Amino acid sequence: MTTSTPDSVRLADTQLYRVTDAMRVLRMSRTVIYEQIRTGRLRSVKQGRARLITPGAIRAYIALLEKEAEEAA
């Protein structure tokens, strides 16, 4: 049996993340998240006024960070 806290966010459970959710998942500030979106490094979609991020976009962003780390080494 798995337990989870109400504050925890899991990639498998959510289809679209608000910026505040992505901040928790990626452990980055709001400013950094919006900067990554603005530069195209983190993909997002808009629904009305809300900026939403898919789990695939988060996984792709993490893969990009890993690739950059490998290239820098």
PDB file of N, CA and C in Angstrom:
ATOM      1  N   MET A   1       0.838  -1.173   0.000  1.00  0.00           N
ATOM      2  CA  MET A   1       0.000   0.000   0.000  1.00  0.00           C
ATOM      3  C   MET A   1       0.892   1.248   0.000  1.00  0.00           C
ATOM      4  N   THR A   2       0.588   2.184  -0.858  1.00  0.00           N
ATOM      5  CA  THR A   2       1.344   3.437  -0.915  1.00  0.00           C
ATOM      6  C   THR A   2       0.534   4.556  -0.283  1.00  0.00           C
ATOM      7  N   THR A   3       1.221   5.382   0.444  1.00  0.00           N
ATOM      8  CA  THR A   3       0.558   6.557   1.000  1.00  0.00           C
ATOM      9  C   THR A   3       1.188   7.785   0.378  1.00  0.00           C
ATOM     10  N   SER A   4       0.406   8.821   0.288  1.00  0.00           N
ATOM     11  CA  SER A   4       0.937  10.060  -0.261  1.00  0.00           C
ATOM     12  C   SER A   4       0.367  11.230   0.526  1.00  0.00           C
ATOM     13  N   THR A   5       1.155  12.269   0.582  1.00  0.00           N
ATOM     14  CA  THR A   5       0.687  13.467   1.256  1.00  0.00           C
ATOM     15  C   THR A   5      -0.116  14.292   0.278  1.00  0.00           C
ATOM     16  N   PRO A   6      -1.040  15.117   0.752  1.00  0.00           N
ATOM     17  CA  PRO A   6      -1.854  15.925  -0.159  1.00  0.00           C
ATOM     18  C   PRO A   6      -1.024  16.869  -1.008  1.00  0.00           C
ATOM     19  N   ASP A   7       0.168  17.243  -0.539  1.00  0.00           N
ATOM     20  CA  ASP A   7       1.010  18.200  -1.248  1.00  0.00           C
ATOM     21  C   ASP A   7       1.851  17.538  -2.324  1.00  0.00           C
ATOM     22  N   SER A   8       1.929  16.210  -2.338  1.00  0.00           N
ATOM     23  CA  SER A   8       2.803  15.546  -3.304  1.00  0.00           C
ATOM     24  C   SER A   8       2.166  15.547  -4.684  1.00  0.00           C
ATOM     25  N   VAL A   9       3.017  15.624  -5.700  1.00  0.00           N
ATOM     26  CA  VAL A   9       2.563  15.626  -7.087  1.00  0.00           C
ATOM     27  C   VAL A   9       3.323  14.519  -7.803  1.00  0.00           C
ATOM     28  N   ARG A  10       2.594  13.661  -8.515  1.00  0.00           N
ATOM     29  CA  ARG A  10       3.240  12.568  -9.220  1.00  0.00           C
ATOM     30  C   ARG A  10       2.943  12.683 -10.705  1.00  0.00           C
ATOM     31  N   LEU A  11       3.969  12.450 -11.544  1.00  0.00           N
ATOM     32  CA  LEU A  11       3.814  12.584 -12.991  1.00  0.00           C
ATOM     33  C   LEU A  11       2.746  11.653 -13.542  1.00  0.00           C
ATOM     34  N   ALA A  12       2.629  10.434 -13.017  1.00  0.00           N
ATOM     35  CA  ALA A  12       1.687   9.470 -13.561  1.00  0.00           C
ATOM     36  C   ALA A  12       0.238   9.854 -13.290  1.00  0.00           C
ATOM     37  N   ASP A  13      -0.011  10.652 -12.255  1.00  0.00           N
ATOM     38  CA  ASP A  13      -1.374  10.948 -11.844  1.00  0.00           C
ATOM     39  C   ASP A  13      -1.976  12.190 -12.494  1.00  0.00           C
ATOM     40  N   THR A  14      -1.164  13.067 -13.021  1.00  0.00           N
ATOM     41  CA  THR A  14      -1.644  14.354 -13.507  1.00  0.00           C
ATOM     42  C   THR A  14      -1.428  14.477 -15.004  1.00  0.00           C
ATOM     43  N   GLN A  15      -2.409  15.030 -15.701  1.00  0.00           N
ATOM     44  CA  GLN A  15      -2.301  15.220 -17.140  1.00  0.00           C
ATOM     45  C   GLN A  15      -1.773  16.596 -17.504  1.00  0.00           C
ATOM     46  N   LEU A  16      -2.140  17.606 -16.733  1.00  0.00           N
ATOM     47  CA  LEU A  16      -1.672  18.972 -16.976  1.00  0.00           C
ATOM     48  C   LEU A  16      -1.295  19.600 -15.641  1.00  0.00           C
ATOM     49  N   TYR A  17      -0.149  20.247 -15.615  1.00  0.00           N
ATOM     50  CA  TYR A  17       0.333  20.903 -14.405  1.00  0.00           C
ATOM     51  C   TYR A  17       0.221  22.407 -14.529  1.00  0.00           C
ATOM     52  N   ARG A  18      -0.228  23.040 -13.492  1.00  0.00           N
ATOM     53  CA  ARG A  18      -0.129  24.491 -13.415  1.00  0.00           C
ATOM     54  C   ARG A  18       1.328  24.821 -13.095  1.00  0.00           C
ATOM     55  N   VAL A  19       1.717  26.056 -13.269  1.00  0.00           N
ATOM     56  CA  VAL A  19       3.105  26.454 -13.010  1.00  0.00           C
ATOM     57  C   VAL A  19       3.492  26.129 -11.569  1.00  0.00           C
ATOM     58  N   THR A  20       2.587  26.346 -10.622  1.00  0.00           N
ATOM     59  CA  THR A  20       2.913  26.056  -9.218  1.00  0.00           C
ATOM     60  C   THR A  20       3.192  24.564  -9.008  1.00  0.00           C
ATOM     61  N   ASP A  21       2.484  23.690  -9.732  1.00  0.00           N
ATOM     62  CA  ASP A  21       2.748  22.255  -9.642  1.00  0.00           C
ATOM     63  C   ASP A  21       4.111  21.920 -10.245  1.00  0.00           C
ATOM     64  N   ALA A  22       4.409  22.502 -11.398  1.00  0.00           N
ATOM     65  CA  ALA A  22       5.702  22.270 -12.051  1.00  0.00           C
ATOM     66  C   ALA A  22       6.846  22.772 -11.168  1.00  0.00           C
ATOM     67  N   MET A  23       6.601  23.858 -10.442  1.00  0.00           N
ATOM     68  CA  MET A  23       7.619  24.369  -9.521  1.00  0.00           C
ATOM     69  C   MET A  23       7.973  23.308  -8.484  1.00  0.00           C
ATOM     70  N   ARG A  24       6.962  22.627  -7.952  1.00  0.00           N
ATOM     71  CA  ARG A  24       7.199  21.585  -6.945  1.00  0.00           C
ATOM     72  C   ARG A  24       7.892  20.375  -7.561  1.00  0.00           C
ATOM     73  N   VAL A  25       7.425  19.944  -8.731  1.00  0.00           N
ATOM     74  CA  VAL A  25       7.992  18.761  -9.376  1.00  0.00           C
ATOM     75  C   VAL A  25       9.458  18.991  -9.737  1.00  0.00           C
ATOM     76  N   LEU A  26       9.753  20.142 -10.325  1.00  0.00           N
ATOM     77  CA  LEU A  26      11.112  20.438 -10.782  1.00  0.00           C
ATOM     78  C   LEU A  26      11.977  21.098  -9.718  1.00  0.00           C
ATOM     79  N   ARG A  27      11.356  21.512  -8.613  1.00  0.00           N
ATOM     80  CA  ARG A  27      12.062  22.200  -7.530  1.00  0.00           C
ATOM     81  C   ARG A  27      12.790  23.439  -8.047  1.00  0.00           C
ATOM     82  N   MET A  28      12.024  24.237  -8.784  1.00  0.00           N
ATOM     83  CA  MET A  28      12.535  25.488  -9.355  1.00  0.00           C
ATOM     84  C   MET A  28      11.584  26.613  -8.993  1.00  0.00           C
ATOM     85  N   SER A  29      12.102  27.823  -9.029  1.00  0.00           N
ATOM     86  CA  SER A  29      11.276  28.981  -8.698  1.00  0.00           C
ATOM     87  C   SER A  29      10.332  29.319  -9.850  1.00  0.00           C
ATOM     88  N   ARG A  30       9.332  30.097  -9.539  1.00  0.00           N
ATOM     89  CA  ARG A  30       8.365  30.567 -10.532  1.00  0.00           C
ATOM     90  C   ARG A  30       9.077  31.320 -11.654  1.00  0.00           C
ATOM     91  N   THR A  31      10.013  32.172 -11.286  1.00  0.00           N
ATOM     92  CA  THR A  31      10.759  32.957 -12.271  1.00  0.00           C
ATOM     93  C   THR A  31      11.517  32.055 -13.230  1.00  0.00           C
ATOM     94  N   VAL A  32      12.171  31.028 -12.705  1.00  0.00           N
ATOM     95  CA  VAL A  32      12.938  30.113 -13.556  1.00  0.00           C
ATOM     96  C   VAL A  32      12.008  29.331 -14.478  1.00  0.00           C
ATOM     97  N   ILE A  33      10.878  28.867 -13.958  1.00  0.00           N
ATOM     98  CA  ILE A  33       9.920  28.126 -14.789  1.00  0.00           C
ATOM     99  C   ILE A  33       9.453  28.998 -15.954  1.00  0.00           C
ATOM    100  N   TYR A  34       9.050  30.231 -15.678  1.00  0.00           N
ATOM    101  CA  TYR A  34       8.585  31.110 -16.756  1.00  0.00           C
ATOM    102  C   TYR A  34       9.715  31.458 -17.733  1.00  0.00           C
ATOM    103  N   GLU A  35      10.932  31.584 -17.247  1.00  0.00           N
ATOM    104  CA  GLU A  35      12.072  31.856 -18.136  1.00  0.00           C
ATOM    105  C   GLU A  35      12.307  30.668 -19.068  1.00  0.00           C
ATOM    106  N   GLN A  36      12.207  29.461 -18.538  1.00  0.00           N
ATOM    107  CA  GLN A  36      12.393  28.267 -19.365  1.00  0.00           C
ATOM    108  C   GLN A  36      11.267  28.141 -20.393  1.00  0.00           C
ATOM    109  N   ILE A  37      10.061  28.501 -20.014  1.00  0.00           N
ATOM    110  CA  ILE A  37       8.942  28.508 -20.963  1.00  0.00           C
ATOM    111  C   ILE A  37       9.179  29.559 -22.041  1.00  0.00           C
ATOM    112  N   ARG A  38       9.574  30.759 -21.623  1.00  0.00           N
ATOM    113  CA  ARG A  38       9.789  31.864 -22.573  1.00  0.00           C
ATOM    114  C   ARG A  38      10.857  31.519 -23.606  1.00  0.00           C
ATOM    115  N   THR A  39      11.931  30.833 -23.173  1.00  0.00           N
ATOM    116  CA  THR A  39      13.015  30.497 -24.093  1.00  0.00           C
ATOM    117  C   THR A  39      12.729  29.237 -24.911  1.00  0.00           C
ATOM    118  N   GLY A  40      11.621  28.534 -24.591  1.00  0.00           N
ATOM    119  CA  GLY A  40      11.260  27.345 -25.350  1.00  0.00           C
ATOM    120  C   GLY A  40      11.882  26.061 -24.840  1.00  0.00           C
ATOM    121  N   ARG A  41      12.606  26.133 -23.753  1.00  0.00           N
ATOM    122  CA  ARG A  41      13.236  24.932 -23.189  1.00  0.00           C
ATOM    123  C   ARG A  41      12.219  24.053 -22.466  1.00  0.00           C
ATOM    124  N   LEU A  42      11.168  24.648 -21.934  1.00  0.00           N
ATOM    125  CA  LEU A  42      10.086  23.922 -21.272  1.00  0.00           C
ATOM    126  C   LEU A  42       8.802  24.259 -22.022  1.00  0.00           C
ATOM    127  N   ARG A  43       8.231  23.268 -22.684  1.00  0.00           N
ATOM    128  CA  ARG A  43       7.020  23.508 -23.477  1.00  0.00           C
ATOM    129  C   ARG A  43       5.807  23.657 -22.567  1.00  0.00           C
ATOM    130  N   SER A  44       4.857  24.445 -23.016  1.00  0.00           N
ATOM    131  CA  SER A  44       3.619  24.615 -22.259  1.00  0.00           C
ATOM    132  C   SER A  44       2.490  24.927 -23.231  1.00  0.00           C
ATOM    133  N   VAL A  45       1.275  24.850 -22.709  1.00  0.00           N
ATOM    134  CA  VAL A  45       0.084  25.195 -23.485  1.00  0.00           C
ATOM    135  C   VAL A  45      -0.722  26.193 -22.676  1.00  0.00           C
ATOM    136  N   LYS A  46      -1.605  26.907 -23.357  1.00  0.00           N
ATOM    137  CA  LYS A  46      -2.491  27.837 -22.659  1.00  0.00           C
ATOM    138  C   LYS A  46      -3.923  27.363 -22.799  1.00  0.00           C
ATOM    139  N   GLN A  47      -4.644  27.438 -21.698  1.00  0.00           N
ATOM    140  CA  GLN A  47      -6.081  27.190 -21.692  1.00  0.00           C
ATOM    141  C   GLN A  47      -6.695  28.399 -21.017  1.00  0.00           C
ATOM    142  N   GLY A  48      -7.303  29.248 -21.822  1.00  0.00           N
ATOM    143  CA  GLY A  48      -7.780  30.516 -21.272  1.00  0.00           C
ATOM    144  C   GLY A  48      -6.585  31.336 -20.826  1.00  0.00           C
ATOM    145  N   ARG A  49      -6.586  31.748 -19.570  1.00  0.00           N
ATOM    146  CA  ARG A  49      -5.451  32.522 -19.038  1.00  0.00           C
ATOM    147  C   ARG A  49      -4.415  31.641 -18.348  1.00  0.00           C
ATOM    148  N   ALA A  50      -4.724  30.350 -18.196  1.00  0.00           N
ATOM    149  CA  ALA A  50      -3.829  29.445 -17.470  1.00  0.00           C
ATOM    150  C   ALA A  50      -2.721  28.913 -18.374  1.00  0.00           C
ATOM    151  N   ARG A  51      -1.517  28.902 -17.854  1.00  0.00           N
ATOM    152  CA  ARG A  51      -0.369  28.300 -18.525  1.00  0.00           C
ATOM    153  C   ARG A  51      -0.223  26.903 -17.933  1.00  0.00           C
ATOM    154  N   LEU A  52      -0.267  25.857 -18.783  1.00  0.00           N
ATOM    155  CA  LEU A  52      -0.242  24.477 -18.321  1.00  0.00           C
ATOM    156  C   LEU A  52       0.917  23.729 -18.954  1.00  0.00           C
ATOM    157  N   ILE A  53       1.461  22.775 -18.205  1.00  0.00           N
ATOM    158  CA  ILE A  53       2.629  22.020 -18.649  1.00  0.00           C
ATOM    159  C   ILE A  53       2.276  20.540 -18.588  1.00  0.00           C
ATOM    160  N   THR A  54       2.545  19.807 -19.671  1.00  0.00           N
ATOM    161  CA  THR A  54       2.228  18.382 -19.717  1.00  0.00           C
ATOM    162  C   THR A  54       3.342  17.568 -19.058  1.00  0.00           C
ATOM    163  N   PRO A  55       3.023  16.353 -18.598  1.00  0.00           N
ATOM    164  CA  PRO A  55       4.068  15.482 -18.051  1.00  0.00           C
ATOM    165  C   PRO A  55       5.162  15.196 -19.079  1.00  0.00           C
ATOM    166  N   GLY A  56       4.781  15.062 -20.346  1.00  0.00           N
ATOM    167  CA  GLY A  56       5.772  14.834 -21.402  1.00  0.00           C
ATOM    168  C   GLY A  56       6.740  15.996 -21.537  1.00  0.00           C
ATOM    169  N   ALA A  57       6.242  17.206 -21.386  1.00  0.00           N
ATOM    170  CA  ALA A  57       7.108  18.384 -21.466  1.00  0.00           C
ATOM    171  C   ALA A  57       8.073  18.406 -20.287  1.00  0.00           C
ATOM    172  N   ILE A  58       7.611  17.982 -19.121  1.00  0.00           N
ATOM    173  CA  ILE A  58       8.495  17.934 -17.952  1.00  0.00           C
ATOM    174  C   ILE A  58       9.570  16.872 -18.159  1.00  0.00           C
ATOM    175  N   ARG A  59       9.171  15.692 -18.658  1.00  0.00           N
ATOM    176  CA  ARG A  59      10.158  14.639 -18.916  1.00  0.00           C
ATOM    177  C   ARG A  59      11.174  15.085 -19.964  1.00  0.00           C
ATOM    178  N   ALA A  60      10.704  15.756 -21.021  1.00  0.00           N
ATOM    179  CA  ALA A  60      11.608  16.241 -22.073  1.00  0.00           C
ATOM    180  C   ALA A  60      12.574  17.281 -21.517  1.00  0.00           C
ATOM    181  N   TYR A  61      12.095  18.141 -20.624  1.00  0.00           N
ATOM    182  CA  TYR A  61      12.953  19.153 -20.022  1.00  0.00           C
ATOM    183  C   TYR A  61      14.031  18.502 -19.157  1.00  0.00           C
ATOM    184  N   ILE A  62      13.649  17.494 -18.385  1.00  0.00           N
ATOM    185  CA  ILE A  62      14.624  16.779 -17.554  1.00  0.00           C
ATOM    186  C   ILE A  62      15.662  16.092 -18.434  1.00  0.00           C
ATOM    187  N   ALA A  63      15.219  15.479 -19.537  1.00  0.00           N
ATOM    188  CA  ALA A  63      16.148  14.839 -20.474  1.00  0.00           C
ATOM    189  C   ALA A  63      17.110  15.868 -21.068  1.00  0.00           C
ATOM    190  N   LEU A  64      16.606  17.056 -21.381  1.00  0.00           N
ATOM    191  CA  LEU A  64      17.450  18.129 -21.902  1.00  0.00           C
ATOM    192  C   LEU A  64      18.519  18.515 -20.880  1.00  0.00           C
ATOM    193  N   LEU A  65      18.125  18.641 -19.623  1.00  0.00           N
ATOM    194  CA  LEU A  65      19.081  18.976 -18.574  1.00  0.00           C
ATOM    195  C   LEU A  65      20.142  17.883 -18.422  1.00  0.00           C
ATOM    196  N   GLU A  66      19.723  16.622 -18.498  1.00  0.00           N
ATOM    197  CA  GLU A  66      20.685  15.513 -18.400  1.00  0.00           C
ATOM    198  C   GLU A  66      21.655  15.521 -19.574  1.00  0.00           C
ATOM    199  N   LYS A  67      21.131  15.771 -20.783  1.00  0.00           N
ATOM    200  CA  LYS A  67      21.982  15.821 -21.979  1.00  0.00           C
ATOM    201  C   LYS A  67      23.010  16.950 -21.861  1.00  0.00           C
ATOM    202  N   GLU A  68      22.558  18.111 -21.412  1.00  0.00           N
ATOM    203  CA  GLU A  68      23.473  19.243 -21.244  1.00  0.00           C
ATOM    204  C   GLU A  68      24.538  18.950 -20.203  1.00  0.00           C
ATOM    205  N   ALA A  69      24.167  18.243 -19.137  1.00  0.00           N
ATOM    206  CA  ALA A  69      25.135  17.884 -18.099  1.00  0.00           C
ATOM    207  C   ALA A  69      26.179  16.915 -18.642  1.00  0.00           C
ATOM    208  N   GLU A  70      25.747  15.943 -19.454  1.00  0.00           N
ATOM    209  CA  GLU A  70      26.676  14.988 -20.052  1.00  0.00           C
ATOM    210  C   GLU A  70      27.633  15.683 -20.999  1.00  0.00           C
ATOM    211  N   GLU A  71      27.120  16.613 -21.800  1.00  0.00           N
ATOM    212  CA  GLU A  71      27.968  17.330 -22.762  1.00  0.00           C
ATOM    213  C   GLU A  71      28.971  18.225 -22.062  1.00  0.00           C
ATOM    214  N   ALA A  72      28.590  18.759 -20.914  1.00  0.00           N
ATOM    215  CA  ALA A  72      29.484  19.651 -20.176  1.00  0.00           C
ATOM    216  C   ALA A  72      30.593  18.880 -19.465  1.00  0.00           C
ATOM    217  N   ALA A  73      30.362  17.589 -19.222  1.00  0.00           N
ATOM    218  CA  ALA A  73      31.363  16.778 -18.487  1.00  0.00           C
ATOM    219  C   ALA A  73      32.506  16.364 -19.380  1.00  0.00           C
TER     220      ALA A  73
END
